[in-house]
């Protein structure tokens, strides 16, 4: 079954180049190309894509607002954002706005395709450039954190990674060869330590702290 993709970019040359590549992949069905916020929302509502590939062009809050509106639709697509900005703060803002994938415009087309396929299957994806930036910032934060508060144990980190990758408690239990009740204990401990209680929030926490596969 092909992945239904809607491409949104205000730069025509960029969108036509990406569209040409997408059409060469048999597992990708390009539904259309949008070049404004309004047409992006309209085509999302009309065609119901599996993945929205969204180009960010330095519009800041306007780009984030568009993503938030799409994420709030009754049936919203998985979003992959591509941007030239790989600063940690920008990446986090985009993830918080609803994106599941983030790809730098300096990335290879292979990374872009990996992002599309990953988010279509319910996983998160950061390109190597973005992942490296996040890792560097996490190392700095950890180096400056001597309090030891909210520190997760190795098993808790394993459970959190699997939660972020979309696994259920039963699947996590099978994967780690532990009892489902033990998984639930780890879940509660993780939530208590990081102060988060929703799967989406835990997933973003895992991404920010470079704990998920990219």
C-alpha atoms as a PDB file:
ATOM      1  CA  UNK A   1       0.000   0.000   0.000  1.00  0.00           C
ATOM      2  CA  UNK A   2       1.452   3.348  -1.055  1.00  0.00           C
ATOM      3  CA  UNK A   3       2.041   6.309   1.255  1.00  0.00           C
ATOM      4  CA  UNK A   4      -0.190   9.219   0.284  1.00  0.00           C
ATOM      5  CA  UNK A   5       1.861  12.420   0.482  1.00  0.00           C
ATOM      6  CA  UNK A   6       0.876  16.062   0.189  1.00  0.00           C
ATOM      7  CA  UNK A   7       3.752  18.475  -0.463  1.00  0.00           C
ATOM      8  CA  UNK A   8       3.550  22.064   0.757  1.00  0.00           C
ATOM      9  CA  UNK A   9       6.210  24.635  -0.114  1.00  0.00           C
ATOM     10  CA  UNK A  10       6.130  28.301  -1.029  1.00  0.00           C
ATOM     11  CA  UNK A  11       9.256  27.866  -3.153  1.00  0.00           C
ATOM     12  CA  UNK A  12       8.177  26.500  -6.527  1.00  0.00           C
ATOM     13  CA  UNK A  13      11.629  25.353  -7.624  1.00  0.00           C
ATOM     14  CA  UNK A  14      12.082  23.421  -4.364  1.00  0.00           C
ATOM     15  CA  UNK A  15       8.635  21.800  -4.488  1.00  0.00           C
ATOM     16  CA  UNK A  16       8.963  20.784  -8.141  1.00  0.00           C
ATOM     17  CA  UNK A  17      12.352  19.215  -7.472  1.00  0.00           C
ATOM     18  CA  UNK A  18      11.089  17.237  -4.475  1.00  0.00           C
ATOM     19  CA  UNK A  19       7.913  16.249  -6.325  1.00  0.00           C
ATOM     20  CA  UNK A  20       9.962  14.877  -9.225  1.00  0.00           C
ATOM     21  CA  UNK A  21      11.901  12.663  -6.821  1.00  0.00           C
ATOM     22  CA  UNK A  22       8.787  11.493  -4.940  1.00  0.00           C
ATOM     23  CA  UNK A  23       7.208  10.358  -8.211  1.00  0.00           C
ATOM     24  CA  UNK A  24      10.121   7.982  -8.832  1.00  0.00           C
ATOM     25  CA  UNK A  25       9.338   5.958  -5.699  1.00  0.00           C
ATOM     26  CA  UNK A  26       6.673   3.275  -6.225  1.00  0.00           C
ATOM     27  CA  UNK A  27       5.626   3.278  -2.563  1.00  0.00           C
ATOM     28  CA  UNK A  28       4.844   7.016  -2.658  1.00  0.00           C
ATOM     29  CA  UNK A  29       1.662   8.521  -4.108  1.00  0.00           C
ATOM     30  CA  UNK A  30       1.954  12.297  -4.445  1.00  0.00           C
ATOM     31  CA  UNK A  31      -1.524  13.753  -3.975  1.00  0.00           C
ATOM     32  CA  UNK A  32      -0.633  17.305  -4.901  1.00  0.00           C
ATOM     33  CA  UNK A  33       1.433  20.397  -4.222  1.00  0.00           C
ATOM     34  CA  UNK A  34       0.269  23.383  -2.166  1.00  0.00           C
ATOM     35  CA  UNK A  35       2.011  26.761  -2.181  1.00  0.00           C
ATOM     36  CA  UNK A  36       0.009  28.741   0.391  1.00  0.00           C
ATOM     37  CA  UNK A  37      -1.193  28.151   3.942  1.00  0.00           C
ATOM     38  CA  UNK A  38      -4.799  28.243   2.757  1.00  0.00           C
ATOM     39  CA  UNK A  39      -4.308  25.701  -0.036  1.00  0.00           C
ATOM     40  CA  UNK A  40      -2.341  23.452   2.317  1.00  0.00           C
ATOM     41  CA  UNK A  41      -5.213  23.342   4.809  1.00  0.00           C
ATOM     42  CA  UNK A  42      -7.796  22.879   2.065  1.00  0.00           C
ATOM     43  CA  UNK A  43      -5.934  20.031   0.357  1.00  0.00           C
ATOM     44  CA  UNK A  44      -5.304  18.317   3.697  1.00  0.00           C
ATOM     45  CA  UNK A  45      -9.030  18.391   4.416  1.00  0.00           C
ATOM     46  CA  UNK A  46      -9.995  17.257   0.908  1.00  0.00           C
ATOM     47  CA  UNK A  47      -7.421  14.547   0.191  1.00  0.00           C
ATOM     48  CA  UNK A  48      -6.607  13.228   3.667  1.00  0.00           C
ATOM     49  CA  UNK A  49      -2.885  12.511   3.127  1.00  0.00           C
ATOM     50  CA  UNK A  50      -0.959  10.053   5.255  1.00  0.00           C
ATOM     51  CA  UNK A  51       1.993  12.446   5.349  1.00  0.00           C
ATOM     52  CA  UNK A  52       2.219  16.202   4.918  1.00  0.00           C
ATOM     53  CA  UNK A  53       5.699  17.227   3.770  1.00  0.00           C
ATOM     54  CA  UNK A  54       5.909  20.860   4.817  1.00  0.00           C
ATOM     55  CA  UNK A  55       8.598  23.344   3.868  1.00  0.00           C
ATOM     56  CA  UNK A  56       9.395  25.996   6.492  1.00  0.00           C
ATOM     57  CA  UNK A  57      10.743  29.219   5.092  1.00  0.00           C
ATOM     58  CA  UNK A  58      11.590  31.425   8.035  1.00  0.00           C
ATOM     59  CA  UNK A  59       8.041  32.592   8.685  1.00  0.00           C
ATOM     60  CA  UNK A  60       8.357  31.702  12.350  1.00  0.00           C
ATOM     61  CA  UNK A  61       5.019  31.852  14.100  1.00  0.00           C
ATOM     62  CA  UNK A  62       3.094  31.687  10.815  1.00  0.00           C
ATOM     63  CA  UNK A  63       4.625  28.290  10.004  1.00  0.00           C
ATOM     64  CA  UNK A  64       4.023  27.030  13.540  1.00  0.00           C
ATOM     65  CA  UNK A  65       0.440  28.295  13.474  1.00  0.00           C
ATOM     66  CA  UNK A  66      -0.234  26.400  10.235  1.00  0.00           C
ATOM     67  CA  UNK A  67       1.138  23.188  11.713  1.00  0.00           C
ATOM     68  CA  UNK A  68      -0.922  23.590  14.876  1.00  0.00           C
ATOM     69  CA  UNK A  69      -4.111  24.114  12.848  1.00  0.00           C
ATOM     70  CA  UNK A  70      -3.444  20.998  10.786  1.00  0.00           C
ATOM     71  CA  UNK A  71      -2.584  18.958  13.886  1.00  0.00           C
ATOM     72  CA  UNK A  72      -5.936  19.940  15.393  1.00  0.00           C
ATOM     73  CA  UNK A  73      -7.977  18.666  12.448  1.00  0.00           C
ATOM     74  CA  UNK A  74     -10.208  15.656  13.249  1.00  0.00           C
ATOM     75  CA  UNK A  75      -8.101  13.470  10.962  1.00  0.00           C
ATOM     76  CA  UNK A  76      -4.656  14.999  10.673  1.00  0.00           C
ATOM     77  CA  UNK A  77      -1.693  13.727   8.642  1.00  0.00           C
ATOM     78  CA  UNK A  78       1.696  12.892  10.053  1.00  0.00           C
ATOM     79  CA  UNK A  79       3.873  15.930   9.390  1.00  0.00           C
ATOM     80  CA  UNK A  80       7.465  16.077   8.212  1.00  0.00           C
ATOM     81  CA  UNK A  81       8.982  19.557   8.244  1.00  0.00           C
ATOM     82  CA  UNK A  82      12.016  20.497   6.188  1.00  0.00           C
ATOM     83  CA  UNK A  83      13.943  23.634   6.987  1.00  0.00           C
ATOM     84  CA  UNK A  84      17.335  25.295   6.790  1.00  0.00           C
ATOM     85  CA  UNK A  85      17.190  26.076  10.514  1.00  0.00           C
ATOM     86  CA  UNK A  86      18.622  23.295  12.683  1.00  0.00           C
ATOM     87  CA  UNK A  87      18.900  25.215  15.939  1.00  0.00           C
ATOM     88  CA  UNK A  88      17.709  23.169  18.925  1.00  0.00           C
ATOM     89  CA  UNK A  89      15.048  25.709  19.898  1.00  0.00           C
ATOM     90  CA  UNK A  90      13.577  25.730  16.378  1.00  0.00           C
ATOM     91  CA  UNK A  91      13.478  21.932  16.218  1.00  0.00           C
ATOM     92  CA  UNK A  92      11.659  21.714  19.539  1.00  0.00           C
ATOM     93  CA  UNK A  93       9.128  24.362  18.472  1.00  0.00           C
ATOM     94  CA  UNK A  94       8.337  22.426  15.308  1.00  0.00           C
ATOM     95  CA  UNK A  95       7.951  19.139  17.201  1.00  0.00           C
ATOM     96  CA  UNK A  96       5.749  20.833  19.784  1.00  0.00           C
ATOM     97  CA  UNK A  97       3.598  22.200  16.940  1.00  0.00           C
ATOM     98  CA  UNK A  98       2.817  18.650  15.838  1.00  0.00           C
ATOM     99  CA  UNK A  99       5.547  17.477  13.473  1.00  0.00           C
ATOM    100  CA  UNK A 100       6.820  13.907  13.769  1.00  0.00           C
ATOM    101  CA  UNK A 101       9.763  14.395  11.447  1.00  0.00           C
ATOM    102  CA  UNK A 102      12.366  17.112  10.947  1.00  0.00           C
ATOM    103  CA  UNK A 103      14.769  17.226   8.010  1.00  0.00           C
ATOM    104  CA  UNK A 104      17.380  19.854   7.203  1.00  0.00           C
ATOM    105  CA  UNK A 105      17.502  21.278   3.681  1.00  0.00           C
ATOM    106  CA  UNK A 106      21.157  20.232   3.673  1.00  0.00           C
ATOM    107  CA  UNK A 107      20.136  16.576   4.133  1.00  0.00           C
ATOM    108  CA  UNK A 108      20.223  13.998   1.357  1.00  0.00           C
ATOM    109  CA  UNK A 109      17.077  12.915  -0.458  1.00  0.00           C
ATOM    110  CA  UNK A 110      17.551   9.505   1.175  1.00  0.00           C
ATOM    111  CA  UNK A 111      17.066  11.105   4.599  1.00  0.00           C
ATOM    112  CA  UNK A 112      13.934  12.855   3.368  1.00  0.00           C
ATOM    113  CA  UNK A 113      12.513   9.549   2.122  1.00  0.00           C
ATOM    114  CA  UNK A 114      13.434   7.858   5.409  1.00  0.00           C
ATOM    115  CA  UNK A 115      11.584  10.599   7.287  1.00  0.00           C
ATOM    116  CA  UNK A 116       8.443  10.141   5.177  1.00  0.00           C
ATOM    117  CA  UNK A 117       8.435   6.378   5.618  1.00  0.00           C
ATOM    118  CA  UNK A 118       9.212   6.568   9.334  1.00  0.00           C
ATOM    119  CA  UNK A 119       6.406   8.967  10.228  1.00  0.00           C
ATOM    120  CA  UNK A 120       3.968   7.106   7.957  1.00  0.00           C
ATOM    121  CA  UNK A 121       4.569   4.027  10.124  1.00  0.00           C
ATOM    122  CA  UNK A 122       3.988   6.037  13.312  1.00  0.00           C
ATOM    123  CA  UNK A 123       7.618   6.624  14.239  1.00  0.00           C
ATOM    124  CA  UNK A 124       9.508   9.882  14.732  1.00  0.00           C
ATOM    125  CA  UNK A 125      12.470  10.957  12.654  1.00  0.00           C
ATOM    126  CA  UNK A 126      15.256  13.522  12.968  1.00  0.00           C
ATOM    127  CA  UNK A 127      17.804  13.923  10.200  1.00  0.00           C
ATOM    128  CA  UNK A 128      21.445  13.455  11.137  1.00  0.00           C
ATOM    129  CA  UNK A 129      22.116  17.194  11.274  1.00  0.00           C
ATOM    130  CA  UNK A 130      19.187  17.853  13.608  1.00  0.00           C
ATOM    131  CA  UNK A 131      19.984  14.795  15.711  1.00  0.00           C
ATOM    132  CA  UNK A 132      23.577  15.939  16.138  1.00  0.00           C
ATOM    133  CA  UNK A 133      22.416  19.389  17.230  1.00  0.00           C
ATOM    134  CA  UNK A 134      20.020  17.890  19.762  1.00  0.00           C
ATOM    135  CA  UNK A 135      22.697  15.522  21.063  1.00  0.00           C
ATOM    136  CA  UNK A 136      25.175  18.365  21.519  1.00  0.00           C
ATOM    137  CA  UNK A 137      22.663  20.421  23.477  1.00  0.00           C
ATOM    138  CA  UNK A 138      21.729  17.443  25.657  1.00  0.00           C
ATOM    139  CA  UNK A 139      25.385  16.824  26.468  1.00  0.00           C
ATOM    140  CA  UNK A 140      25.758  20.437  27.517  1.00  0.00           C
ATOM    141  CA  UNK A 141      22.666  20.238  29.720  1.00  0.00           C
ATOM    142  CA  UNK A 142      23.794  16.992  31.322  1.00  0.00           C
ATOM    143  CA  UNK A 143      27.269  18.368  31.926  1.00  0.00           C
ATOM    144  CA  UNK A 144      25.744  21.292  33.772  1.00  0.00           C
ATOM    145  CA  UNK A 145      23.247  19.241  35.774  1.00  0.00           C
ATOM    146  CA  UNK A 146      24.804  18.125  39.051  1.00  0.00           C
ATOM    147  CA  UNK A 147      21.545  17.778  40.961  1.00  0.00           C
ATOM    148  CA  UNK A 148      20.767  14.251  39.762  1.00  0.00           C
ATOM    149  CA  UNK A 149      17.053  15.023  39.839  1.00  0.00           C
ATOM    150  CA  UNK A 150      14.717  13.349  37.348  1.00  0.00           C
ATOM    151  CA  UNK A 151      17.473  10.911  36.368  1.00  0.00           C
ATOM    152  CA  UNK A 152      16.107   7.864  34.588  1.00  0.00           C
ATOM    153  CA  UNK A 153      17.549   4.413  35.129  1.00  0.00           C
ATOM    154  CA  UNK A 154      18.744   2.326  32.169  1.00  0.00           C
ATOM    155  CA  UNK A 155      15.578   0.200  32.120  1.00  0.00           C
ATOM    156  CA  UNK A 156      13.393   3.305  32.348  1.00  0.00           C
ATOM    157  CA  UNK A 157      15.262   4.786  29.386  1.00  0.00           C
ATOM    158  CA  UNK A 158      14.641   1.574  27.419  1.00  0.00           C
ATOM    159  CA  UNK A 159      10.920   1.731  28.208  1.00  0.00           C
ATOM    160  CA  UNK A 160      10.735   5.415  27.295  1.00  0.00           C
ATOM    161  CA  UNK A 161      12.434   4.794  23.944  1.00  0.00           C
ATOM    162  CA  UNK A 162       9.871   2.112  23.120  1.00  0.00           C
ATOM    163  CA  UNK A 163       6.974   4.322  24.232  1.00  0.00           C
ATOM    164  CA  UNK A 164       8.285   7.052  21.930  1.00  0.00           C
ATOM    165  CA  UNK A 165       8.533   4.536  19.087  1.00  0.00           C
ATOM    166  CA  UNK A 166       4.820   3.786  19.471  1.00  0.00           C
ATOM    167  CA  UNK A 167       4.898   0.421  21.244  1.00  0.00           C
ATOM    168  CA  UNK A 168       2.118  -0.576  23.651  1.00  0.00           C
ATOM    169  CA  UNK A 169       2.827  -1.812  27.180  1.00  0.00           C
ATOM    170  CA  UNK A 170       2.269  -5.429  26.097  1.00  0.00           C
ATOM    171  CA  UNK A 171       4.653  -5.022  23.163  1.00  0.00           C
ATOM    172  CA  UNK A 172       7.246  -3.406  25.406  1.00  0.00           C
ATOM    173  CA  UNK A 173       6.915  -6.272  27.865  1.00  0.00           C
ATOM    174  CA  UNK A 174       7.522  -8.822  25.089  1.00  0.00           C
ATOM    175  CA  UNK A 175      10.420  -6.812  23.685  1.00  0.00           C
ATOM    176  CA  UNK A 176      12.194  -6.491  27.033  1.00  0.00           C
ATOM    177  CA  UNK A 177      11.036  -9.902  28.313  1.00  0.00           C
ATOM    178  CA  UNK A 178       9.477  -8.467  31.456  1.00  0.00           C
ATOM    179  CA  UNK A 179       5.963  -8.578  32.890  1.00  0.00           C
ATOM    180  CA  UNK A 180       3.386  -6.021  31.647  1.00  0.00           C
ATOM    181  CA  UNK A 181       2.876  -4.964  35.256  1.00  0.00           C
ATOM    182  CA  UNK A 182       6.578  -4.134  35.459  1.00  0.00           C
ATOM    183  CA  UNK A 183       6.251  -1.990  32.350  1.00  0.00           C
ATOM    184  CA  UNK A 184       3.422  -0.068  34.013  1.00  0.00           C
ATOM    185  CA  UNK A 185       5.591   0.518  37.085  1.00  0.00           C
ATOM    186  CA  UNK A 186       8.346   1.897  34.860  1.00  0.00           C
ATOM    187  CA  UNK A 187       5.794   4.095  33.060  1.00  0.00           C
ATOM    188  CA  UNK A 188       4.605   5.603  36.345  1.00  0.00           C
ATOM    189  CA  UNK A 189       8.175   6.174  37.527  1.00  0.00           C
ATOM    190  CA  UNK A 190       9.120   7.845  34.231  1.00  0.00           C
ATOM    191  CA  UNK A 191       6.088  10.127  34.375  1.00  0.00           C
ATOM    192  CA  UNK A 192       6.838  11.052  37.966  1.00  0.00           C
ATOM    193  CA  UNK A 193      10.502  11.801  37.299  1.00  0.00           C
ATOM    194  CA  UNK A 194      10.020  13.907  34.148  1.00  0.00           C
ATOM    195  CA  UNK A 195       6.725  15.477  35.226  1.00  0.00           C
ATOM    196  CA  UNK A 196       4.835  14.428  32.073  1.00  0.00           C
ATOM    197  CA  UNK A 197       1.773  12.202  31.790  1.00  0.00           C
ATOM    198  CA  UNK A 198       0.789  12.021  28.118  1.00  0.00           C
ATOM    199  CA  UNK A 199       2.390   9.741  25.529  1.00  0.00           C
ATOM    200  CA  UNK A 200       2.828  12.667  23.111  1.00  0.00           C
ATOM    201  CA  UNK A 201       4.641  14.670  25.795  1.00  0.00           C
ATOM    202  CA  UNK A 202       6.835  11.710  26.714  1.00  0.00           C
ATOM    203  CA  UNK A 203       7.664  11.227  23.039  1.00  0.00           C
ATOM    204  CA  UNK A 204       8.734  14.849  22.663  1.00  0.00           C
ATOM    205  CA  UNK A 205      10.792  14.510  25.843  1.00  0.00           C
ATOM    206  CA  UNK A 206      12.544  11.455  24.390  1.00  0.00           C
ATOM    207  CA  UNK A 207      13.278  13.289  21.147  1.00  0.00           C
ATOM    208  CA  UNK A 208      14.596  16.358  22.948  1.00  0.00           C
ATOM    209  CA  UNK A 209      16.914  14.149  24.984  1.00  0.00           C
ATOM    210  CA  UNK A 210      18.014  12.111  21.947  1.00  0.00           C
ATOM    211  CA  UNK A 211      16.570   8.847  23.248  1.00  0.00           C
ATOM    212  CA  UNK A 212      14.780   7.651  20.108  1.00  0.00           C
ATOM    213  CA  UNK A 213      16.010   6.078  16.902  1.00  0.00           C
ATOM    214  CA  UNK A 214      16.635   8.522  14.101  1.00  0.00           C
END
